[in-house]
Amino acid sequence: MERLGPETVAPPPEALIPWKAEAAVQGEVDPASLIQQPDRLAAFLQADPRRMDAERMQPELLLSMAQILLRGNRTFLAEQLLSRGAARWPDAIEVHRAWARVLLSIGRPQSGLRVLDAAAEHAASDPTVHYLRARALLQHDPRRDAAALAALRTVI
């Protein structure tokens, strides 16, 4: 008898990521507690580095996790997650915008400019990208107001 497709769509057991609680997260893993207590989410993610693997996520999940981490003042962990997401989805503009915002917030406008320049290649008409680019230009070098003004004119 011929079969259509694989026997199962589930990955093999060795490819699964354990989502059970470790010592870093006491008790059962309650998704609501991970959302309400960003420190628990950070500990949960750091307990197994595979949980931070952008290859296993969709952009929406990655952005949600980064937002929860930012609420819990885990900026560098969120930045790491967003950088992996930007590498995974070079055409996902929302991931690049979020990453650029984080880079600007931690005082790395030059890195933010590189991210935004790459995002502008994929979404030249996105006004948010141009606005953030103008902010990065001014934050990096306040004397570059002409370049920032040109970026803002594309928004308007």
N, C-alpha and C. Protein backbone atom coordinates (compact mmCIF):
# COMPACT_ATOMS: atom_id res chain seq x y z
N MET A 1 0.84 -1.18 0.00
CA MET A 1 0.00 0.00 0.00
C MET A 1 0.88 1.24 0.00
N GLU A 2 0.56 2.17 -0.88
CA GLU A 2 1.33 3.41 -0.95
C GLU A 2 0.83 4.40 0.09
N ARG A 3 1.75 5.20 0.59
CA ARG A 3 1.40 6.22 1.57
C ARG A 3 1.65 7.59 0.97
N LEU A 4 0.83 8.51 1.35
CA LEU A 4 1.02 9.89 0.94
C LEU A 4 1.64 10.65 2.10
N GLY A 5 2.83 11.14 1.92
CA GLY A 5 3.47 11.93 2.96
C GLY A 5 4.04 11.10 4.08
N PRO A 6 4.59 11.78 5.08
CA PRO A 6 5.20 11.05 6.20
C PRO A 6 4.14 10.46 7.12
N GLU A 7 4.56 9.53 7.97
CA GLU A 7 3.64 8.90 8.91
C GLU A 7 3.09 9.91 9.90
N THR A 8 3.92 10.85 10.29
CA THR A 8 3.50 11.85 11.27
C THR A 8 4.15 13.19 10.92
N VAL A 9 3.54 14.26 11.34
CA VAL A 9 4.13 15.58 11.11
C VAL A 9 4.95 16.03 12.31
N ALA A 10 4.93 15.26 13.39
CA ALA A 10 5.67 15.60 14.59
C ALA A 10 7.16 15.37 14.35
N PRO A 11 8.00 16.22 14.93
CA PRO A 11 9.44 15.98 14.80
C PRO A 11 9.85 14.76 15.60
N PRO A 12 11.01 14.19 15.31
CA PRO A 12 11.46 13.04 16.09
C PRO A 12 11.70 13.46 17.55
N PRO A 13 11.63 12.53 18.48
CA PRO A 13 11.76 12.87 19.91
C PRO A 13 13.03 13.64 20.25
N GLU A 14 14.14 13.35 19.57
CA GLU A 14 15.39 14.03 19.89
C GLU A 14 15.38 15.50 19.46
N ALA A 15 14.45 15.89 18.58
CA ALA A 15 14.37 17.28 18.14
C ALA A 15 13.43 18.12 19.00
N LEU A 16 12.72 17.49 19.92
CA LEU A 16 11.80 18.23 20.78
C LEU A 16 12.54 18.96 21.88
N ILE A 17 12.02 20.12 22.27
CA ILE A 17 12.61 20.91 23.35
C ILE A 17 11.80 20.65 24.61
N PRO A 18 12.46 20.32 25.71
CA PRO A 18 11.71 20.08 26.95
C PRO A 18 11.13 21.39 27.50
N TRP A 19 9.86 21.36 27.84
CA TRP A 19 9.21 22.53 28.41
C TRP A 19 8.81 22.27 29.85
N LYS A 20 9.54 21.40 30.52
CA LYS A 20 9.27 21.11 31.92
C LYS A 20 10.08 22.05 32.80
N ALA A 21 9.61 22.24 34.01
CA ALA A 21 10.28 23.15 34.94
C ALA A 21 11.60 22.58 35.40
N GLU A 22 12.61 23.45 35.51
CA GLU A 22 13.90 23.08 36.07
C GLU A 22 14.05 23.79 37.40
N ALA A 23 15.22 23.69 37.96
CA ALA A 23 15.47 24.35 39.25
C ALA A 23 15.36 25.86 39.13
N ALA A 24 15.64 26.41 37.93
CA ALA A 24 15.59 27.86 37.75
C ALA A 24 14.16 28.39 37.83
N VAL A 25 13.19 27.52 37.57
CA VAL A 25 11.78 27.92 37.63
C VAL A 25 11.09 26.93 38.55
N GLN A 26 10.77 27.37 39.76
CA GLN A 26 10.16 26.48 40.72
C GLN A 26 8.71 26.17 40.33
N GLY A 27 8.29 24.97 40.66
CA GLY A 27 6.90 24.58 40.44
C GLY A 27 6.62 24.29 38.98
N GLU A 28 5.36 24.13 38.69
CA GLU A 28 4.93 23.87 37.33
C GLU A 28 5.07 25.14 36.48
N VAL A 29 5.31 24.96 35.20
CA VAL A 29 5.42 26.10 34.30
C VAL A 29 4.01 26.52 33.90
N ASP A 30 3.60 27.64 34.41
CA ASP A 30 2.29 28.20 34.10
C ASP A 30 2.51 29.34 33.10
N PRO A 31 1.99 29.21 31.88
CA PRO A 31 2.21 30.27 30.88
C PRO A 31 1.79 31.66 31.37
N ALA A 32 0.73 31.73 32.15
CA ALA A 32 0.29 33.04 32.65
C ALA A 32 1.35 33.65 33.56
N SER A 33 2.00 32.83 34.37
CA SER A 33 3.03 33.38 35.27
C SER A 33 4.24 33.85 34.48
N LEU A 34 4.53 33.19 33.37
CA LEU A 34 5.66 33.62 32.55
C LEU A 34 5.39 34.98 31.92
N ILE A 35 4.14 35.26 31.61
CA ILE A 35 3.78 36.55 31.01
C ILE A 35 3.74 37.64 32.08
N GLN A 36 3.20 37.31 33.24
CA GLN A 36 3.04 38.30 34.29
C GLN A 36 4.33 38.57 35.05
N GLN A 37 5.24 37.62 35.05
CA GLN A 37 6.50 37.77 35.77
C GLN A 37 7.65 37.56 34.79
N PRO A 38 8.10 38.63 34.15
CA PRO A 38 9.16 38.50 33.14
C PRO A 38 10.44 37.84 33.66
N ASP A 39 10.71 37.96 34.96
CA ASP A 39 11.90 37.30 35.50
C ASP A 39 11.80 35.79 35.38
N ARG A 40 10.58 35.26 35.56
CA ARG A 40 10.37 33.82 35.40
C ARG A 40 10.58 33.41 33.95
N LEU A 41 10.11 34.24 33.01
CA LEU A 41 10.32 33.93 31.60
C LEU A 41 11.81 33.95 31.27
N ALA A 42 12.53 34.94 31.76
CA ALA A 42 13.97 35.02 31.50
C ALA A 42 14.69 33.79 32.06
N ALA A 43 14.35 33.40 33.28
CA ALA A 43 14.97 32.21 33.88
C ALA A 43 14.60 30.96 33.09
N PHE A 44 13.35 30.90 32.64
CA PHE A 44 12.88 29.76 31.87
C PHE A 44 13.63 29.65 30.55
N LEU A 45 13.84 30.78 29.87
CA LEU A 45 14.54 30.78 28.59
C LEU A 45 16.02 30.46 28.77
N GLN A 46 16.61 31.00 29.82
CA GLN A 46 18.04 30.79 30.03
C GLN A 46 18.35 29.38 30.54
N ALA A 47 17.37 28.69 31.09
CA ALA A 47 17.60 27.34 31.59
C ALA A 47 17.92 26.37 30.45
N ASP A 48 17.42 26.63 29.26
CA ASP A 48 17.70 25.80 28.10
C ASP A 48 17.87 26.73 26.90
N PRO A 49 19.10 26.93 26.42
CA PRO A 49 19.35 27.87 25.33
C PRO A 49 18.56 27.58 24.05
N ARG A 50 18.12 26.34 23.87
CA ARG A 50 17.35 26.02 22.67
C ARG A 50 16.02 26.76 22.64
N ARG A 51 15.56 27.23 23.79
CA ARG A 51 14.30 27.97 23.84
C ARG A 51 14.44 29.36 23.23
N MET A 52 15.66 29.82 23.05
CA MET A 52 15.92 31.13 22.44
C MET A 52 16.25 30.98 20.95
N ASP A 53 16.02 29.81 20.40
CA ASP A 53 16.37 29.53 19.02
C ASP A 53 15.30 30.09 18.09
N ALA A 54 15.64 31.12 17.33
CA ALA A 54 14.69 31.74 16.42
C ALA A 54 14.26 30.80 15.30
N GLU A 55 15.08 29.80 15.01
CA GLU A 55 14.75 28.84 13.96
C GLU A 55 13.47 28.07 14.28
N ARG A 56 13.14 27.95 15.55
CA ARG A 56 11.98 27.17 15.98
C ARG A 56 10.75 28.04 16.23
N MET A 57 10.83 29.34 15.92
CA MET A 57 9.74 30.27 16.22
C MET A 57 9.16 30.88 14.96
N GLN A 58 8.05 31.54 15.17
CA GLN A 58 7.46 32.42 14.17
C GLN A 58 7.76 33.85 14.62
N PRO A 59 7.76 34.82 13.71
CA PRO A 59 8.07 36.20 14.10
C PRO A 59 7.16 36.73 15.21
N GLU A 60 5.90 36.35 15.20
CA GLU A 60 4.96 36.85 16.20
C GLU A 60 5.34 36.39 17.61
N LEU A 61 5.72 35.11 17.73
CA LEU A 61 6.14 34.57 19.03
C LEU A 61 7.41 35.26 19.50
N LEU A 62 8.36 35.43 18.60
CA LEU A 62 9.61 36.08 18.95
C LEU A 62 9.37 37.51 19.43
N LEU A 63 8.52 38.26 18.74
CA LEU A 63 8.23 39.63 19.14
C LEU A 63 7.52 39.68 20.49
N SER A 64 6.61 38.75 20.72
CA SER A 64 5.90 38.71 22.01
C SER A 64 6.85 38.41 23.15
N MET A 65 7.75 37.45 22.94
CA MET A 65 8.72 37.10 23.98
C MET A 65 9.65 38.27 24.25
N ALA A 66 10.09 38.95 23.20
CA ALA A 66 10.98 40.11 23.38
C ALA A 66 10.26 41.22 24.15
N GLN A 67 8.99 41.42 23.85
CA GLN A 67 8.23 42.46 24.56
C GLN A 67 8.10 42.13 26.05
N ILE A 68 7.86 40.88 26.38
CA ILE A 68 7.76 40.48 27.78
C ILE A 68 9.12 40.67 28.47
N LEU A 69 10.19 40.30 27.79
CA LEU A 69 11.52 40.47 28.37
C LEU A 69 11.83 41.95 28.60
N LEU A 70 11.43 42.81 27.66
CA LEU A 70 11.67 44.25 27.83
C LEU A 70 10.88 44.80 29.00
N ARG A 71 9.65 44.32 29.19
CA ARG A 71 8.86 44.75 30.36
C ARG A 71 9.53 44.38 31.67
N GLY A 72 10.28 43.30 31.65
CA GLY A 72 10.97 42.85 32.85
C GLY A 72 12.40 43.37 32.93
N ASN A 73 12.73 44.39 32.14
CA ASN A 73 14.07 44.99 32.13
C ASN A 73 15.16 43.99 31.77
N ARG A 74 14.85 43.06 30.92
CA ARG A 74 15.84 42.11 30.40
C ARG A 74 16.20 42.54 28.98
N THR A 75 16.69 43.76 28.87
CA THR A 75 16.92 44.40 27.57
C THR A 75 17.93 43.63 26.73
N PHE A 76 19.02 43.21 27.33
CA PHE A 76 20.06 42.56 26.55
C PHE A 76 19.63 41.17 26.08
N LEU A 77 18.84 40.49 26.88
CA LEU A 77 18.29 39.20 26.46
C LEU A 77 17.30 39.40 25.30
N ALA A 78 16.48 40.44 25.39
CA ALA A 78 15.55 40.77 24.31
C ALA A 78 16.31 41.15 23.04
N GLU A 79 17.39 41.91 23.19
CA GLU A 79 18.19 42.32 22.04
C GLU A 79 18.81 41.11 21.36
N GLN A 80 19.27 40.17 22.16
CA GLN A 80 19.84 38.94 21.61
C GLN A 80 18.79 38.15 20.83
N LEU A 81 17.61 38.04 21.39
CA LEU A 81 16.53 37.32 20.74
C LEU A 81 16.13 38.01 19.42
N LEU A 82 16.02 39.34 19.45
CA LEU A 82 15.64 40.08 18.25
C LEU A 82 16.72 40.01 17.17
N SER A 83 17.98 40.01 17.56
CA SER A 83 19.05 39.91 16.55
C SER A 83 19.00 38.55 15.86
N ARG A 84 18.71 37.51 16.64
CA ARG A 84 18.57 36.18 16.03
C ARG A 84 17.37 36.14 15.09
N GLY A 85 16.28 36.80 15.51
CA GLY A 85 15.09 36.85 14.66
C GLY A 85 15.34 37.61 13.37
N ALA A 86 16.08 38.70 13.44
CA ALA A 86 16.38 39.48 12.24
C ALA A 86 17.26 38.68 11.28
N ALA A 87 18.16 37.88 11.83
CA ALA A 87 18.99 37.03 10.98
C ALA A 87 18.15 35.92 10.34
N ARG A 88 17.18 35.42 11.10
CA ARG A 88 16.31 34.33 10.61
C ARG A 88 15.33 34.82 9.54
N TRP A 89 14.77 36.03 9.74
CA TRP A 89 13.79 36.58 8.80
C TRP A 89 14.25 37.95 8.31
N PRO A 90 15.12 37.99 7.32
CA PRO A 90 15.63 39.28 6.86
C PRO A 90 14.56 40.20 6.26
N ASP A 91 13.43 39.65 5.87
CA ASP A 91 12.37 40.49 5.29
C ASP A 91 11.24 40.78 6.27
N ALA A 92 11.37 40.37 7.53
CA ALA A 92 10.35 40.67 8.56
C ALA A 92 10.64 42.04 9.16
N ILE A 93 10.03 43.06 8.60
CA ILE A 93 10.31 44.45 8.96
C ILE A 93 9.99 44.72 10.42
N GLU A 94 8.92 44.12 10.94
CA GLU A 94 8.55 44.38 12.34
C GLU A 94 9.63 43.90 13.31
N VAL A 95 10.33 42.83 12.97
CA VAL A 95 11.43 42.33 13.82
C VAL A 95 12.60 43.31 13.76
N HIS A 96 12.91 43.81 12.57
CA HIS A 96 13.99 44.78 12.43
C HIS A 96 13.67 46.09 13.16
N ARG A 97 12.42 46.53 13.06
CA ARG A 97 12.05 47.77 13.76
C ARG A 97 12.18 47.60 15.27
N ALA A 98 11.72 46.47 15.79
CA ALA A 98 11.83 46.22 17.23
C ALA A 98 13.29 46.15 17.66
N TRP A 99 14.11 45.49 16.87
CA TRP A 99 15.53 45.38 17.20
C TRP A 99 16.19 46.76 17.18
N ALA A 100 15.86 47.57 16.17
CA ALA A 100 16.43 48.92 16.09
C ALA A 100 16.01 49.77 17.29
N ARG A 101 14.75 49.67 17.70
CA ARG A 101 14.29 50.42 18.88
C ARG A 101 15.09 50.05 20.13
N VAL A 102 15.33 48.75 20.29
CA VAL A 102 16.10 48.30 21.45
C VAL A 102 17.53 48.82 21.36
N LEU A 103 18.14 48.74 20.18
CA LEU A 103 19.50 49.24 20.02
C LEU A 103 19.59 50.74 20.32
N LEU A 104 18.60 51.50 19.88
CA LEU A 104 18.60 52.93 20.18
C LEU A 104 18.42 53.17 21.67
N SER A 105 17.60 52.36 22.32
CA SER A 105 17.35 52.56 23.75
C SER A 105 18.57 52.24 24.61
N ILE A 106 19.46 51.38 24.13
CA ILE A 106 20.66 51.06 24.91
C ILE A 106 21.87 51.86 24.45
N GLY A 107 21.63 52.87 23.60
CA GLY A 107 22.70 53.77 23.20
C GLY A 107 23.63 53.24 22.13
N ARG A 108 23.10 52.43 21.22
CA ARG A 108 23.90 51.91 20.11
C ARG A 108 23.30 52.35 18.77
N PRO A 109 23.31 53.67 18.50
CA PRO A 109 22.67 54.17 17.28
C PRO A 109 23.35 53.71 16.00
N GLN A 110 24.67 53.50 16.04
CA GLN A 110 25.36 53.06 14.84
C GLN A 110 24.90 51.65 14.44
N SER A 111 24.75 50.78 15.42
CA SER A 111 24.23 49.44 15.14
C SER A 111 22.78 49.53 14.67
N GLY A 112 22.01 50.43 15.29
CA GLY A 112 20.63 50.64 14.87
C GLY A 112 20.54 51.11 13.42
N LEU A 113 21.47 51.97 13.01
CA LEU A 113 21.49 52.44 11.62
C LEU A 113 21.72 51.29 10.64
N ARG A 114 22.63 50.38 11.00
CA ARG A 114 22.88 49.23 10.12
C ARG A 114 21.62 48.39 9.96
N VAL A 115 20.92 48.16 11.08
CA VAL A 115 19.68 47.38 11.05
C VAL A 115 18.63 48.09 10.20
N LEU A 116 18.49 49.38 10.41
CA LEU A 116 17.47 50.15 9.69
C LEU A 116 17.79 50.30 8.21
N ASP A 117 19.07 50.40 7.86
CA ASP A 117 19.43 50.45 6.45
C ASP A 117 19.08 49.14 5.75
N ALA A 118 19.30 48.02 6.44
CA ALA A 118 18.92 46.72 5.88
C ALA A 118 17.41 46.61 5.76
N ALA A 119 16.68 47.13 6.76
CA ALA A 119 15.22 47.09 6.71
C ALA A 119 14.68 47.97 5.60
N ALA A 120 15.33 49.10 5.35
CA ALA A 120 14.87 50.02 4.30
C ALA A 120 15.00 49.38 2.91
N GLU A 121 15.93 48.46 2.76
CA GLU A 121 16.06 47.76 1.47
C GLU A 121 14.83 46.91 1.18
N HIS A 122 14.23 46.34 2.24
CA HIS A 122 13.06 45.48 2.07
C HIS A 122 11.75 46.25 2.11
N ALA A 123 11.76 47.40 2.77
CA ALA A 123 10.52 48.18 2.91
C ALA A 123 10.85 49.66 2.77
N ALA A 124 11.14 50.06 1.56
CA ALA A 124 11.55 51.45 1.32
C ALA A 124 10.44 52.45 1.63
N SER A 125 9.19 52.03 1.62
CA SER A 125 8.09 52.96 1.86
C SER A 125 7.56 52.92 3.29
N ASP A 126 8.22 52.20 4.19
CA ASP A 126 7.77 52.09 5.57
C ASP A 126 8.15 53.36 6.33
N PRO A 127 7.16 54.16 6.76
CA PRO A 127 7.49 55.43 7.44
C PRO A 127 8.16 55.23 8.79
N THR A 128 7.85 54.15 9.49
CA THR A 128 8.45 53.92 10.81
C THR A 128 9.95 53.67 10.68
N VAL A 129 10.35 52.95 9.65
CA VAL A 129 11.77 52.70 9.42
C VAL A 129 12.50 54.02 9.21
N HIS A 130 11.92 54.92 8.41
CA HIS A 130 12.58 56.20 8.13
C HIS A 130 12.60 57.10 9.37
N TYR A 131 11.53 57.06 10.15
CA TYR A 131 11.51 57.84 11.39
C TYR A 131 12.60 57.35 12.35
N LEU A 132 12.68 56.03 12.54
CA LEU A 132 13.69 55.48 13.43
C LEU A 132 15.10 55.75 12.89
N ARG A 133 15.24 55.74 11.57
CA ARG A 133 16.53 56.04 10.96
C ARG A 133 16.93 57.48 11.26
N ALA A 134 15.98 58.41 11.19
CA ALA A 134 16.26 59.81 11.51
C ALA A 134 16.67 59.94 12.97
N ARG A 135 15.97 59.24 13.86
CA ARG A 135 16.34 59.26 15.29
C ARG A 135 17.75 58.73 15.50
N ALA A 136 18.08 57.63 14.80
CA ALA A 136 19.41 57.03 14.94
C ALA A 136 20.48 57.98 14.41
N LEU A 137 20.21 58.64 13.31
CA LEU A 137 21.18 59.58 12.76
C LEU A 137 21.45 60.72 13.74
N LEU A 138 20.41 61.27 14.31
CA LEU A 138 20.57 62.37 15.25
C LEU A 138 21.23 61.91 16.55
N GLN A 139 20.91 60.71 17.00
CA GLN A 139 21.50 60.19 18.23
C GLN A 139 22.98 59.89 18.02
N HIS A 140 23.32 59.39 16.82
CA HIS A 140 24.71 59.04 16.53
C HIS A 140 25.57 60.30 16.36
N ASP A 141 25.06 61.25 15.59
CA ASP A 141 25.81 62.48 15.33
C ASP A 141 24.81 63.61 15.13
N PRO A 142 24.60 64.44 16.16
CA PRO A 142 23.61 65.52 16.05
C PRO A 142 23.87 66.48 14.91
N ARG A 143 25.09 66.50 14.38
CA ARG A 143 25.39 67.41 13.27
C ARG A 143 24.92 66.87 11.93
N ARG A 144 24.40 65.65 11.92
CA ARG A 144 23.91 65.05 10.66
C ARG A 144 22.44 65.37 10.47
N ASP A 145 22.06 66.57 10.81
CA ASP A 145 20.65 66.92 10.73
C ASP A 145 20.12 66.93 9.30
N ALA A 146 20.96 67.17 8.31
CA ALA A 146 20.50 67.15 6.92
C ALA A 146 20.07 65.73 6.51
N ALA A 147 20.86 64.74 6.89
CA ALA A 147 20.50 63.35 6.57
C ALA A 147 19.25 62.94 7.34
N ALA A 148 19.16 63.38 8.60
CA ALA A 148 17.97 63.06 9.40
C ALA A 148 16.74 63.72 8.82
N LEU A 149 16.90 64.96 8.38
CA LEU A 149 15.76 65.68 7.77
C LEU A 149 15.31 64.99 6.49
N ALA A 150 16.26 64.50 5.70
CA ALA A 150 15.89 63.78 4.47
C ALA A 150 15.13 62.50 4.80
N ALA A 151 15.55 61.82 5.86
CA ALA A 151 14.83 60.60 6.28
C ALA A 151 13.43 60.95 6.75
N LEU A 152 13.29 62.04 7.47
CA LEU A 152 11.97 62.46 7.93
C LEU A 152 11.07 62.91 6.79
N ARG A 153 11.66 63.50 5.76
CA ARG A 153 10.84 63.93 4.61
C ARG A 153 10.21 62.75 3.90
N THR A 154 10.88 61.60 3.92
CA THR A 154 10.27 60.42 3.31
C THR A 154 9.06 59.95 4.11
N VAL A 155 9.05 60.25 5.41
CA VAL A 155 7.91 59.89 6.24
C VAL A 155 6.71 60.77 5.88
N ILE A 156 6.98 62.04 5.70
CA ILE A 156 5.92 63.00 5.42
C ILE A 156 5.59 62.93 3.98
